[in-house]
Amino acid sequence: METPTVFNSEYKEDETEADHLSAHEPYQQKRLSDLERHIILVAVKLRILFMACITLRSFKRIRKALIALLNLRRAAWSGNLKKMYKVDGKYYFNLYTPGWPSVAYDNVIKDELLRCGSPMQTENKLKFMFFDITGKCPLRCEHRFEWDNPDQKGTFTKDELIKMVTLYQNLGVNQIQFSGGEPLLRIKDLVDVISFAKDQCECYVATSGFNLTPINARLLKNAGCKGIIVSIDHYVPQLHNKFRKHPEIFDKAVEGVKASLNSGLVTALSVCTTMEFIDGRHLLPYMKFAKELGVHFVQVLEPRAFGHRSGKGELLTENHIEQLEDFFRTMNNKAAYKSYPTVIYHGYHQRRAVGYYQMLRPTVF
């Protein structure tokens, strides 16, 4: 029996729990005009062409790299993604790509051009890393990876954190996402580490929203942090609180999102899309909730059988994945949803873009 798709003409909000959408006052995000968006897209394309010319220095290699890069982008986004957001003077197309214009953005493009233009002669470099700076967390989330050790002492001192950051920056990392546990439990150390790292890479913080106060958001911004990713796993407060095992975390997370936006940070929501979430037809109401908050991106995570859910058969079925992929394509490419946040779906990117790289470099991957 075929499961109904997420998007259809018979969809009714009253068939879901959409009436529980947050009553918090939405953040008024300034949208780019069509003219500004068009000008920026042209400028970025010209910059990429310029980078290709000075990097590859061969018409054949330039053509090969640009075609490969274009095909890769289409594979990763299932089309020609045109959404972008202006934050603090830079334009962001993707949560995991540096803002443009910037040296970090140019470095990413240079490495991709080399990889596409001369795939067999180009060394792979680590460009992005997650860095768990503590195992401690005040929550007991259903999908927590380290369920058996939720309050273990932070592994690294502040000096050790700085040494680790230096090590990976020297290896070519240009974006670090600090996480945990709950990284904001170490707000003082985090501010110092980001202040140290900011000149050589972009820094983001992934948080439950706990301790993401307006003061702390401003401290992170002033230190050089580029963005915040807040985990909110349901738009219904009680269901999110139940999932996170904390009676007030929904309100804290929403207030944290507002603090991040008001501080001029790239702001994203992260949601773990369980089978119950998809079957309950919560995807579109969640996006309406995200739009009302004013965030730039929504990161979709597939559940894994780790931590507390280990052995409970929580992996999505093929039908659930098809619904998520349809949701991803629709939200990012349909004109009706152009005012909604961009959806980042790692499962889709990995299945499509990595598959493309396997064709590009068959003896390497």
Protein backbone atom coordinates (compact mmCIF):
# COMPACT_ATOMS: atom_id res chain seq x y z
CA MET A 1 0.00 0.00 0.00
CA GLU A 2 1.46 3.31 -1.06
CA THR A 3 1.92 5.94 1.65
CA PRO A 4 0.50 9.38 0.74
CA THR A 5 3.10 11.90 -0.29
CA VAL A 6 3.87 14.82 1.95
CA PHE A 7 2.70 17.36 -0.63
CA ASN A 8 -0.66 16.98 -2.34
CA SER A 9 -3.72 19.03 -3.17
CA GLU A 10 -5.73 17.38 -0.40
CA TYR A 11 -3.39 18.42 2.38
CA LYS A 12 -5.31 20.06 5.24
CA GLU A 13 -3.65 21.77 8.17
CA ASP A 14 -6.44 20.62 10.46
CA GLU A 15 -5.38 17.05 9.81
CA THR A 16 -2.18 17.74 11.74
CA GLU A 17 -1.22 19.48 14.95
CA ALA A 18 -0.43 22.70 13.10
CA ASP A 19 -2.61 24.63 15.51
CA HIS A 20 0.20 24.15 18.04
CA LEU A 21 2.59 26.29 16.01
CA SER A 22 4.59 28.62 18.20
CA ALA A 23 2.86 31.82 19.14
CA HIS A 24 6.23 33.56 19.55
CA GLU A 25 6.50 36.75 17.54
CA PRO A 26 8.25 35.90 14.24
CA TYR A 27 11.58 37.44 13.36
CA GLN A 28 11.22 39.88 10.48
CA GLN A 29 13.91 38.77 8.06
CA LYS A 30 14.66 41.16 5.22
CA ARG A 31 14.28 39.30 1.95
CA LEU A 32 16.53 39.93 -1.01
CA SER A 33 14.92 41.52 -4.04
CA ASP A 34 14.90 39.53 -7.27
CA LEU A 35 17.26 42.10 -8.80
CA GLU A 36 19.80 41.81 -5.96
CA ARG A 37 19.61 38.02 -6.09
CA HIS A 38 20.20 38.04 -9.85
CA ILE A 39 23.16 40.42 -9.57
CA ILE A 40 24.78 38.34 -6.82
CA LEU A 41 24.32 35.09 -8.74
CA VAL A 42 25.99 36.64 -11.79
CA ALA A 43 28.81 38.05 -9.67
CA VAL A 44 29.44 34.68 -8.01
CA LYS A 45 29.52 32.90 -11.37
CA LEU A 46 32.02 35.44 -12.69
CA ARG A 47 34.15 34.96 -9.58
CA ILE A 48 34.13 31.19 -10.04
CA LEU A 49 35.11 31.62 -13.70
CA PHE A 50 37.95 33.90 -12.65
CA MET A 51 39.10 31.40 -10.03
CA ALA A 52 38.99 28.62 -12.62
CA CYS A 53 41.14 30.63 -15.03
CA ILE A 54 43.87 31.47 -12.53
CA THR A 55 43.81 28.01 -10.92
CA LEU A 56 43.64 25.61 -13.87
CA ARG A 57 45.24 27.70 -16.70
CA SER A 58 43.98 25.39 -19.44
CA PHE A 59 40.80 25.79 -21.48
CA LYS A 60 40.21 22.04 -21.49
CA ARG A 61 40.65 21.70 -17.73
CA ILE A 62 38.60 24.85 -17.06
CA ARG A 63 35.73 23.57 -19.17
CA LYS A 64 35.88 20.12 -17.58
CA ALA A 65 35.93 21.52 -14.05
CA LEU A 66 33.09 24.00 -14.58
CA ILE A 67 30.84 21.37 -16.15
CA ALA A 68 31.65 18.91 -13.36
CA LEU A 69 31.04 21.55 -10.69
CA LEU A 70 27.71 22.48 -12.25
CA ASN A 71 26.64 18.83 -12.47
CA LEU A 72 27.72 18.24 -8.90
CA ARG A 73 25.65 21.16 -7.67
CA ARG A 74 22.60 19.98 -9.58
CA ALA A 75 23.04 16.47 -8.21
CA ALA A 76 23.38 17.72 -4.62
CA TRP A 77 20.37 20.06 -4.83
CA SER A 78 18.21 18.29 -7.42
CA GLY A 79 18.14 21.41 -9.54
CA ASN A 80 19.39 24.96 -9.74
CA LEU A 81 19.02 26.21 -6.17
CA LYS A 82 18.57 29.98 -6.16
CA LYS A 83 17.82 30.68 -2.50
CA MET A 84 20.33 32.83 -0.66
CA TYR A 85 20.51 34.93 2.48
CA LYS A 86 22.42 38.08 3.32
CA VAL A 87 23.82 38.02 6.84
CA ASP A 88 26.30 40.57 8.16
CA GLY A 89 27.31 41.70 4.68
CA LYS A 90 27.86 38.25 3.19
CA TYR A 91 25.66 35.98 1.09
CA TYR A 92 24.99 32.39 2.14
CA PHE A 93 23.75 29.66 -0.20
CA ASN A 94 24.44 26.65 1.99
CA LEU A 95 24.93 26.05 5.69
CA TYR A 96 28.22 24.27 5.01
CA THR A 97 29.71 26.67 2.47
CA PRO A 98 31.44 29.88 3.62
CA GLY A 99 29.71 33.16 2.96
CA TRP A 100 30.51 35.12 -0.21
CA PRO A 101 32.58 37.18 -0.73
CA SER A 102 35.34 35.81 1.49
CA VAL A 103 38.75 34.17 1.32
CA ALA A 104 37.21 31.03 2.81
CA TYR A 105 34.70 30.84 -0.05
CA ASP A 106 37.46 31.29 -2.63
CA ASN A 107 39.48 28.51 -1.00
CA VAL A 108 36.54 26.11 -1.15
CA ILE A 109 35.95 26.90 -4.83
CA LYS A 110 39.65 26.55 -5.64
CA ASP A 111 39.82 23.10 -4.06
CA GLU A 112 36.64 21.97 -5.84
CA LEU A 113 37.91 23.23 -9.19
CA LEU A 114 41.14 21.31 -8.74
CA ARG A 115 39.25 18.19 -7.71
CA CYS A 116 36.91 18.42 -10.70
CA GLY A 117 39.52 19.56 -13.22
CA SER A 118 42.23 17.05 -12.26
CA PRO A 119 40.50 14.49 -10.04
CA MET A 120 43.20 11.83 -10.24
CA GLN A 121 46.06 14.23 -9.46
CA THR A 122 44.41 16.21 -6.66
CA GLU A 123 44.85 15.32 -3.01
CA ASN A 124 41.69 15.15 -0.93
CA LYS A 125 41.66 17.64 1.92
CA LEU A 126 39.54 17.78 5.03
CA LYS A 127 37.52 20.99 4.72
CA PHE A 128 34.94 20.67 7.46
CA MET A 129 34.83 19.15 10.93
CA PHE A 130 32.49 18.63 13.88
CA PHE A 131 34.27 19.23 17.17
CA ASP A 132 32.61 17.97 20.35
CA ILE A 133 34.11 20.09 23.09
CA THR A 134 32.23 18.47 25.97
CA GLY A 135 30.21 15.37 26.74
CA LYS A 136 28.11 17.14 29.35
CA CYS A 137 24.51 18.10 28.67
CA PRO A 138 21.52 19.00 30.85
CA LEU A 139 19.16 17.13 28.50
CA ARG A 140 18.49 13.40 27.97
CA CYS A 141 17.52 13.36 24.31
CA GLU A 142 15.98 10.26 22.75
CA HIS A 143 18.57 10.13 19.96
CA ARG A 144 21.61 11.04 22.04
CA PHE A 145 24.69 9.17 20.80
CA GLU A 146 26.51 8.98 24.14
CA TRP A 147 23.49 7.98 26.22
CA ASP A 148 25.55 5.92 28.66
CA ASN A 149 27.99 8.77 29.40
CA PRO A 150 25.90 11.97 29.36
CA ASP A 151 27.87 13.78 32.06
CA GLN A 152 31.41 12.78 31.34
CA LYS A 153 34.01 15.44 31.99
CA GLY A 154 35.06 17.53 29.01
CA THR A 155 37.89 15.78 27.22
CA PHE A 156 39.98 18.82 26.38
CA THR A 157 41.14 21.87 28.30
CA LYS A 158 40.88 25.23 26.57
CA ASP A 159 44.56 25.14 25.61
CA GLU A 160 44.10 21.64 24.18
CA LEU A 161 41.09 22.81 22.20
CA ILE A 162 43.18 25.58 20.66
CA LYS A 163 45.94 23.10 19.80
CA MET A 164 43.41 20.81 18.10
CA VAL A 165 41.94 23.70 16.13
CA THR A 166 45.42 24.73 14.99
CA LEU A 167 46.19 21.16 13.92
CA TYR A 168 43.12 20.87 11.72
CA GLN A 169 43.42 24.38 10.32
CA ASN A 170 46.90 23.42 9.14
CA LEU A 171 45.33 20.43 7.38
CA GLY A 172 43.06 22.75 5.42
CA VAL A 173 39.84 22.84 7.45
CA ASN A 174 37.96 26.06 6.73
CA GLN A 175 34.80 25.44 8.76
CA ILE A 176 34.42 24.06 12.28
CA GLN A 177 31.12 23.26 13.93
CA PHE A 178 31.50 23.16 17.72
CA SER A 179 29.10 20.75 19.38
CA GLY A 180 28.80 18.37 22.32
CA GLY A 181 27.10 17.44 24.62
CA GLU A 182 25.99 20.99 25.04
CA PRO A 183 28.85 23.29 23.95
CA LEU A 184 27.29 26.37 25.57
CA LEU A 185 28.01 24.87 28.98
CA ARG A 186 31.56 25.97 28.17
CA ILE A 187 30.62 29.40 26.86
CA LYS A 188 33.75 31.16 28.18
CA ASP A 189 36.14 28.62 26.66
CA LEU A 190 34.07 28.51 23.47
CA VAL A 191 34.27 32.28 23.02
CA ASP A 192 38.06 32.19 23.48
CA VAL A 193 38.53 29.29 21.04
CA ILE A 194 36.35 30.91 18.38
CA SER A 195 38.18 34.20 18.82
CA PHE A 196 41.43 32.32 18.18
CA ALA A 197 40.14 30.35 15.20
CA LYS A 198 38.09 32.98 13.36
CA ASP A 199 40.85 34.34 11.10
CA GLN A 200 41.53 31.01 9.40
CA CYS A 201 38.13 29.33 9.33
CA GLU A 202 34.44 29.91 9.85
CA CYS A 203 33.03 28.82 13.20
CA TYR A 204 29.53 27.58 13.94
CA VAL A 205 27.93 26.29 17.13
CA ALA A 206 25.42 23.42 17.26
CA THR A 207 23.28 23.64 20.38
CA SER A 208 20.02 22.55 21.97
CA GLY A 209 19.38 26.21 22.73
CA PHE A 210 20.22 25.73 26.38
CA ASN A 211 22.14 28.79 27.60
CA LEU A 212 21.75 30.55 24.23
CA THR A 213 20.80 33.84 25.84
CA PRO A 214 20.93 37.22 24.07
CA ILE A 215 24.15 37.99 25.99
CA ASN A 216 25.81 34.72 25.00
CA ALA A 217 24.69 35.07 21.39
CA ARG A 218 26.28 38.51 21.26
CA LEU A 219 29.47 37.18 22.90
CA LEU A 220 29.70 34.48 20.23
CA LYS A 221 29.06 37.00 17.46
CA ASN A 222 31.71 39.39 18.77
CA ALA A 223 34.19 36.52 19.06
CA GLY A 224 33.79 35.78 15.35
CA CYS A 225 31.17 33.04 15.28
CA LYS A 226 29.33 32.95 11.93
CA GLY A 227 26.27 30.93 12.80
CA ILE A 228 24.18 28.90 15.22
CA ILE A 229 22.36 25.63 14.61
CA VAL A 230 19.59 25.02 17.14
CA SER A 231 18.02 21.58 17.52
CA ILE A 232 14.23 21.73 17.63
CA ASP A 233 12.68 18.36 16.86
CA HIS A 234 9.02 19.38 16.83
CA TYR A 235 6.95 22.51 16.43
CA VAL A 236 4.63 21.30 19.21
CA PRO A 237 6.31 22.43 22.46
CA GLN A 238 5.20 19.45 24.54
CA LEU A 239 6.43 16.91 21.99
CA HIS A 240 9.82 18.57 21.66
CA ASN A 241 10.18 18.75 25.44
CA LYS A 242 9.26 15.07 25.71
CA PHE A 243 11.81 14.11 23.05
CA ARG A 244 14.51 16.13 24.81
CA LYS A 245 13.48 15.15 28.35
CA HIS A 246 13.34 18.75 29.57
CA PRO A 247 10.13 20.66 30.46
CA GLU A 248 11.29 24.08 29.24
CA ILE A 249 13.74 23.39 26.42
CA PHE A 250 11.32 24.33 23.60
CA ASP A 251 10.91 27.87 24.91
CA LYS A 252 14.64 28.14 25.58
CA ALA A 253 15.41 26.95 22.05
CA VAL A 254 12.98 29.41 20.44
CA GLU A 255 14.34 32.29 22.49
CA GLY A 256 17.84 31.17 21.52
CA VAL A 257 16.91 31.26 17.83
CA LYS A 258 15.63 34.82 18.24
CA ALA A 259 18.81 35.81 20.09
CA SER A 260 20.94 34.35 17.30
CA LEU A 261 19.02 36.17 14.58
CA ASN A 262 19.03 39.45 16.46
CA SER A 263 22.81 39.16 16.90
CA GLY A 264 23.33 38.94 13.13
CA LEU A 265 24.26 35.25 12.96
CA VAL A 266 23.40 32.71 10.28
CA THR A 267 20.70 30.71 12.00
CA ALA A 268 19.43 27.20 11.32
CA LEU A 269 17.12 24.65 12.88
CA SER A 270 18.08 20.99 13.06
CA VAL A 271 15.35 18.35 13.19
CA CYS A 272 15.56 14.58 13.62
CA THR A 273 12.83 13.23 11.32
CA THR A 274 11.65 10.00 12.91
CA MET A 275 9.15 7.64 11.32
CA GLU A 276 6.47 9.01 13.66
CA PHE A 277 7.28 12.57 12.58
CA ILE A 278 6.98 11.73 8.87
CA ASP A 279 3.91 9.52 9.24
CA GLY A 280 2.23 12.27 11.27
CA ARG A 281 2.65 14.61 8.28
CA HIS A 282 4.59 17.13 10.29
CA LEU A 283 7.13 18.17 7.65
CA LEU A 284 5.23 21.07 6.09
CA PRO A 285 3.89 22.44 9.41
CA TYR A 286 7.46 22.32 10.73
CA MET A 287 8.66 24.39 7.77
CA LYS A 288 5.91 26.93 8.40
CA PHE A 289 7.12 27.11 12.00
CA ALA A 290 10.71 27.62 10.79
CA LYS A 291 9.59 30.31 8.35
CA GLU A 292 7.74 32.14 11.12
CA LEU A 293 10.86 32.08 13.27
CA GLY A 294 12.82 33.61 10.40
CA VAL A 295 15.68 31.09 10.23
CA HIS A 296 17.78 30.73 7.10
CA PHE A 297 18.19 26.96 6.96
CA VAL A 298 16.53 23.78 8.22
CA GLN A 299 18.82 20.79 8.61
CA VAL A 300 17.09 17.42 8.26
CA LEU A 301 18.70 14.46 10.01
CA GLU A 302 17.77 10.82 9.52
CA PRO A 303 17.53 8.89 12.82
CA ARG A 304 20.17 6.31 13.54
CA ALA A 305 20.10 3.33 15.87
CA PHE A 306 22.54 4.88 18.34
CA GLY A 307 22.41 5.65 22.04
CA HIS A 308 19.02 5.23 23.70
CA ARG A 309 17.43 4.09 20.42
CA SER A 310 20.01 1.43 19.69
CA GLY A 311 18.33 -1.83 18.64
CA LYS A 312 14.85 -0.28 18.43
CA GLY A 313 14.54 -0.43 14.66
CA GLU A 314 14.43 3.33 14.17
CA LEU A 315 15.99 3.41 10.71
CA LEU A 316 13.69 4.89 8.08
CA THR A 317 12.08 2.71 5.48
CA GLU A 318 12.61 3.27 1.78
CA ASN A 319 9.18 4.89 1.61
CA HIS A 320 10.05 7.34 4.39
CA ILE A 321 13.27 8.28 2.60
CA GLU A 322 11.35 8.83 -0.64
CA GLN A 323 9.01 11.20 1.21
CA LEU A 324 11.96 13.10 2.69
CA GLU A 325 13.62 13.40 -0.70
CA ASP A 326 10.39 14.66 -2.27
CA PHE A 327 10.10 17.16 0.59
CA PHE A 328 13.71 18.30 0.03
CA ARG A 329 13.24 18.81 -3.71
CA THR A 330 9.92 20.59 -3.30
CA MET A 331 10.95 23.01 -0.58
CA ASN A 332 14.16 24.05 -2.34
CA ASN A 333 13.05 24.22 -5.96
CA LYS A 334 9.32 24.96 -6.18
CA ALA A 335 8.34 28.60 -6.61
CA ALA A 336 5.56 28.26 -4.04
CA TYR A 337 8.17 27.76 -1.31
CA LYS A 338 10.78 30.31 -2.34
CA SER A 339 10.17 32.30 0.85
CA TYR A 340 10.78 29.27 3.06
CA PRO A 341 14.17 28.37 4.59
CA THR A 342 16.56 26.28 2.53
CA VAL A 343 16.47 22.61 3.51
CA ILE A 344 19.80 20.87 4.13
CA TYR A 345 19.36 17.10 3.90
CA HIS A 346 22.62 15.25 4.44
CA GLY A 347 21.17 11.90 3.41
CA TYR A 348 20.19 13.28 0.02
CA HIS A 349 23.51 15.07 -0.48
CA GLN A 350 25.45 11.92 0.43
CA ARG A 351 23.44 9.62 -1.81
CA ARG A 352 23.51 11.99 -4.79
CA ALA A 353 26.68 14.06 -4.57
CA VAL A 354 28.94 11.32 -3.20
CA GLY A 355 27.60 9.02 -5.91
CA TYR A 356 28.61 11.63 -8.46
CA TYR A 357 32.11 11.80 -6.99
CA GLN A 358 32.35 8.02 -7.24
CA MET A 359 31.81 8.34 -10.97
CA LEU A 360 34.27 11.22 -11.13
CA ARG A 361 37.01 9.38 -9.21
CA PRO A 362 36.28 5.63 -9.49
CA THR A 363 39.71 4.49 -8.26
CA VAL A 364 39.76 6.81 -5.26
CA PHE A 365 36.32 6.41 -3.64
